[in-house]
Amino acid sequence: MTAYRPNMDWMLSDLAKSVPFTRYIVLLSADGLRMAQHNTAADTADRLAAACAGLQSLAAAVAAEFPKGDGRMRLVVIEVNGGYFYMMAAGAGAYLAVLADGQVDTGLLGHRMRDLVIRIGEHLTSPPRRDGAFP
């Protein structure tokens, strides 16, 4: 029996509308499962979520090298030809990932992502799954 998981895609639309040149937005669990998406095909969102799980793990390994830190990843930013990738911790066991075109205002994007995480952080938490299902 699969437990009910509410559709959270609507929470991401405000971010896309408020930051021009935002391309894809994905909310994912720490183990790389897509929880919500905006302006993203399901297969693309699934690939991004899986890649983000690997990036989160690498970032946590780097964070563990800071003696006064807690070993947790808060933000990853990657600039590539053509755009930017942001991944931000969004609650216990959840991450918010955004791909944006090169023309995006990077400061605005980071700010709006942080606002979204603060505003609806309790909805962005991924509870532990039991037997492969969300509680």
C-alpha atoms as a PDB file:
ATOM      1  CA  MET A   1       0.000   0.000   0.000  1.00  0.00           C
ATOM      2  CA  THR A   2       1.431   3.358  -1.026  1.00  0.00           C
ATOM      3  CA  ALA A   3       0.871   6.241   1.365  1.00  0.00           C
ATOM      4  CA  TYR A   4      -0.591   9.519   0.176  1.00  0.00           C
ATOM      5  CA  ARG A   5       1.993  12.139  -0.729  1.00  0.00           C
ATOM      6  CA  PRO A   6       0.553  15.604  -1.372  1.00  0.00           C
ATOM      7  CA  ASN A   7       1.302  17.358  -4.646  1.00  0.00           C
ATOM      8  CA  MET A   8       3.781  20.110  -3.810  1.00  0.00           C
ATOM      9  CA  ASP A   9       4.476  21.281  -7.366  1.00  0.00           C
ATOM     10  CA  TRP A  10       2.389  24.431  -6.806  1.00  0.00           C
ATOM     11  CA  MET A  11       4.838  25.624  -4.143  1.00  0.00           C
ATOM     12  CA  LEU A  12       7.563  25.905  -6.736  1.00  0.00           C
ATOM     13  CA  SER A  13       5.656  27.972  -9.299  1.00  0.00           C
ATOM     14  CA  ASP A  14       6.046  31.219  -7.328  1.00  0.00           C
ATOM     15  CA  LEU A  15       9.826  30.855  -7.453  1.00  0.00           C
ATOM     16  CA  ALA A  16       9.754  30.376 -11.220  1.00  0.00           C
ATOM     17  CA  LYS A  17       7.442  33.350 -11.735  1.00  0.00           C
ATOM     18  CA  SER A  18       9.500  35.681  -9.542  1.00  0.00           C
ATOM     19  CA  VAL A  19      12.914  34.903 -11.077  1.00  0.00           C
ATOM     20  CA  PRO A  20      13.199  35.359 -14.854  1.00  0.00           C
ATOM     21  CA  PHE A  21      15.278  32.775 -16.751  1.00  0.00           C
ATOM     22  CA  THR A  22      14.515  29.999 -14.277  1.00  0.00           C
ATOM     23  CA  ARG A  23      14.453  26.782 -16.284  1.00  0.00           C
ATOM     24  CA  TYR A  24      13.783  23.767 -14.020  1.00  0.00           C
ATOM     25  CA  ILE A  25      12.891  23.415 -10.338  1.00  0.00           C
ATOM     26  CA  VAL A  26      12.952  20.110  -8.497  1.00  0.00           C
ATOM     27  CA  LEU A  27      12.301  19.274  -4.872  1.00  0.00           C
ATOM     28  CA  LEU A  28      13.982  16.027  -3.893  1.00  0.00           C
ATOM     29  CA  SER A  29      14.629  13.767  -0.955  1.00  0.00           C
ATOM     30  CA  ALA A  30      18.168  13.230   0.306  1.00  0.00           C
ATOM     31  CA  ASP A  31      18.262   9.834  -1.375  1.00  0.00           C
ATOM     32  CA  GLY A  32      17.518  11.345  -4.783  1.00  0.00           C
ATOM     33  CA  LEU A  33      13.795  10.821  -5.234  1.00  0.00           C
ATOM     34  CA  ARG A  34      11.732  13.551  -6.872  1.00  0.00           C
ATOM     35  CA  MET A  35       9.111  14.961  -4.507  1.00  0.00           C
ATOM     36  CA  ALA A  36       7.894  17.878  -6.632  1.00  0.00           C
ATOM     37  CA  GLN A  37       8.787  19.670  -9.850  1.00  0.00           C
ATOM     38  CA  HIS A  38       7.979  22.761 -11.858  1.00  0.00           C
ATOM     39  CA  ASN A  39       8.438  23.286 -15.596  1.00  0.00           C
ATOM     40  CA  THR A  40      10.254  19.961 -15.764  1.00  0.00           C
ATOM     41  CA  ALA A  41       9.330  16.700 -17.463  1.00  0.00           C
ATOM     42  CA  ALA A  42       9.179  13.802 -15.009  1.00  0.00           C
ATOM     43  CA  ASP A  43      12.129  11.948 -16.560  1.00  0.00           C
ATOM     44  CA  THR A  44      14.287  15.096 -16.500  1.00  0.00           C
ATOM     45  CA  ALA A  45      13.279  15.802 -12.895  1.00  0.00           C
ATOM     46  CA  ASP A  46      14.128  12.220 -11.928  1.00  0.00           C
ATOM     47  CA  ARG A  47      17.590  12.460 -13.534  1.00  0.00           C
ATOM     48  CA  LEU A  48      18.265  15.772 -11.782  1.00  0.00           C
ATOM     49  CA  ALA A  49      17.100  14.396  -8.442  1.00  0.00           C
ATOM     50  CA  ALA A  50      19.393  11.381  -8.767  1.00  0.00           C
ATOM     51  CA  ALA A  51      22.360  13.573  -9.723  1.00  0.00           C
ATOM     52  CA  CYS A  52      21.598  15.888  -6.792  1.00  0.00           C
ATOM     53  CA  ALA A  53      21.830  12.987  -4.358  1.00  0.00           C
ATOM     54  CA  GLY A  54      25.394  12.419  -5.522  1.00  0.00           C
ATOM     55  CA  LEU A  55      26.234  16.116  -5.288  1.00  0.00           C
ATOM     56  CA  GLN A  56      24.747  16.298  -1.802  1.00  0.00           C
ATOM     57  CA  SER A  57      26.918  13.402  -0.715  1.00  0.00           C
ATOM     58  CA  LEU A  58      30.063  15.006  -2.147  1.00  0.00           C
ATOM     59  CA  ALA A  59      29.209  18.357  -0.554  1.00  0.00           C
ATOM     60  CA  ALA A  60      28.669  16.694   2.820  1.00  0.00           C
ATOM     61  CA  ALA A  61      32.093  15.027   2.541  1.00  0.00           C
ATOM     62  CA  VAL A  62      33.687  18.424   1.918  1.00  0.00           C
ATOM     63  CA  ALA A  63      31.659  20.021   4.732  1.00  0.00           C
ATOM     64  CA  ALA A  64      32.944  17.382   7.144  1.00  0.00           C
ATOM     65  CA  GLU A  65      36.458  18.773   6.662  1.00  0.00           C
ATOM     66  CA  PHE A  66      35.541  22.015   8.417  1.00  0.00           C
ATOM     67  CA  PRO A  67      36.389  21.493  12.094  1.00  0.00           C
ATOM     68  CA  LYS A  68      33.771  23.930  13.408  1.00  0.00           C
ATOM     69  CA  GLY A  69      31.025  22.894  11.003  1.00  0.00           C
ATOM     70  CA  ASP A  70      28.323  20.311  11.452  1.00  0.00           C
ATOM     71  CA  GLY A  71      29.091  18.388   8.242  1.00  0.00           C
ATOM     72  CA  ARG A  72      25.844  19.336   6.519  1.00  0.00           C
ATOM     73  CA  MET A  73      25.543  20.816   3.048  1.00  0.00           C
ATOM     74  CA  ARG A  74      23.595  24.089   2.863  1.00  0.00           C
ATOM     75  CA  LEU A  75      24.167  25.318  -0.697  1.00  0.00           C
ATOM     76  CA  VAL A  76      25.881  24.125  -3.862  1.00  0.00           C
ATOM     77  CA  VAL A  77      26.239  26.432  -6.858  1.00  0.00           C
ATOM     78  CA  ILE A  78      27.663  25.297 -10.182  1.00  0.00           C
ATOM     79  CA  GLU A  79      28.210  27.612 -13.129  1.00  0.00           C
ATOM     80  CA  VAL A  80      28.402  25.965 -16.549  1.00  0.00           C
ATOM     81  CA  ASN A  81      28.407  27.294 -20.088  1.00  0.00           C
ATOM     82  CA  GLY A  82      24.840  28.466 -20.563  1.00  0.00           C
ATOM     83  CA  GLY A  83      23.630  28.648 -17.003  1.00  0.00           C
ATOM     84  CA  TYR A  84      23.668  27.906 -13.324  1.00  0.00           C
ATOM     85  CA  PHE A  85      22.700  25.083 -11.019  1.00  0.00           C
ATOM     86  CA  TYR A  86      21.707  25.734  -7.400  1.00  0.00           C
ATOM     87  CA  MET A  87      20.953  23.120  -4.760  1.00  0.00           C
ATOM     88  CA  MET A  88      19.888  24.236  -1.293  1.00  0.00           C
ATOM     89  CA  ALA A  89      19.040  22.284   1.835  1.00  0.00           C
ATOM     90  CA  ALA A  90      15.306  22.687   2.309  1.00  0.00           C
ATOM     91  CA  GLY A  91      14.476  20.869   5.514  1.00  0.00           C
ATOM     92  CA  ALA A  92      15.399  17.598   7.121  1.00  0.00           C
ATOM     93  CA  GLY A  93      16.079  15.185   4.272  1.00  0.00           C
ATOM     94  CA  ALA A  94      14.940  17.511   1.464  1.00  0.00           C
ATOM     95  CA  TYR A  95      16.689  19.692  -1.113  1.00  0.00           C
ATOM     96  CA  LEU A  96      15.582  22.339  -3.573  1.00  0.00           C
ATOM     97  CA  ALA A  97      17.366  22.261  -6.949  1.00  0.00           C
ATOM     98  CA  VAL A  98      17.115  24.907  -9.666  1.00  0.00           C
ATOM     99  CA  LEU A  99      18.614  25.144 -13.147  1.00  0.00           C
ATOM    100  CA  ALA A 100      18.610  28.612 -14.672  1.00  0.00           C
ATOM    101  CA  ASP A 101      19.790  30.195 -17.914  1.00  0.00           C
ATOM    102  CA  GLY A 102      22.945  32.298 -17.960  1.00  0.00           C
ATOM    103  CA  GLN A 103      20.961  35.560 -17.929  1.00  0.00           C
ATOM    104  CA  VAL A 104      19.434  34.855 -14.497  1.00  0.00           C
ATOM    105  CA  ASP A 105      20.085  37.289 -11.662  1.00  0.00           C
ATOM    106  CA  THR A 106      22.038  34.871  -9.457  1.00  0.00           C
ATOM    107  CA  GLY A 107      21.635  36.961  -6.320  1.00  0.00           C
ATOM    108  CA  LEU A 108      17.879  37.164  -6.796  1.00  0.00           C
ATOM    109  CA  LEU A 109      17.652  33.429  -7.425  1.00  0.00           C
ATOM    110  CA  GLY A 110      19.552  32.574  -4.251  1.00  0.00           C
ATOM    111  CA  HIS A 111      17.480  35.023  -2.249  1.00  0.00           C
ATOM    112  CA  ARG A 112      14.143  33.712  -3.569  1.00  0.00           C
ATOM    113  CA  MET A 113      15.207  30.106  -2.968  1.00  0.00           C
ATOM    114  CA  ARG A 114      16.082  30.958   0.632  1.00  0.00           C
ATOM    115  CA  ASP A 115      12.758  32.766   1.063  1.00  0.00           C
ATOM    116  CA  LEU A 116      10.885  29.734  -0.271  1.00  0.00           C
ATOM    117  CA  VAL A 117      12.726  27.377   2.055  1.00  0.00           C
ATOM    118  CA  ILE A 118      12.001  29.596   5.055  1.00  0.00           C
ATOM    119  CA  ARG A 119       8.384  30.259   4.115  1.00  0.00           C
ATOM    120  CA  ILE A 120       7.332  26.701   3.543  1.00  0.00           C
ATOM    121  CA  GLY A 121      10.190  24.730   5.099  1.00  0.00           C
ATOM    122  CA  GLU A 122       7.948  22.408   7.069  1.00  0.00           C
ATOM    123  CA  HIS A 123       6.367  21.220   3.805  1.00  0.00           C
ATOM    124  CA  LEU A 124       9.807  20.648   2.280  1.00  0.00           C
ATOM    125  CA  THR A 125      10.817  18.003   4.785  1.00  0.00           C
ATOM    126  CA  SER A 126      11.070  14.452   3.552  1.00  0.00           C
ATOM    127  CA  PRO A 127      10.050  11.998   6.277  1.00  0.00           C
ATOM    128  CA  PRO A 128      11.881   8.661   6.342  1.00  0.00           C
ATOM    129  CA  ARG A 129      10.245   6.038   4.145  1.00  0.00           C
ATOM    130  CA  ARG A 130       9.173   2.712   5.536  1.00  0.00           C
ATOM    131  CA  ASP A 131       9.218  -0.265   3.206  1.00  0.00           C
ATOM    132  CA  GLY A 132       9.735   2.035   0.229  1.00  0.00           C
ATOM    133  CA  ALA A 133       6.641   4.169   0.883  1.00  0.00           C
ATOM    134  CA  PHE A 134       6.224   7.634   2.313  1.00  0.00           C
ATOM    135  CA  PRO A 135       4.447   7.573   5.697  1.00  0.00           C
END
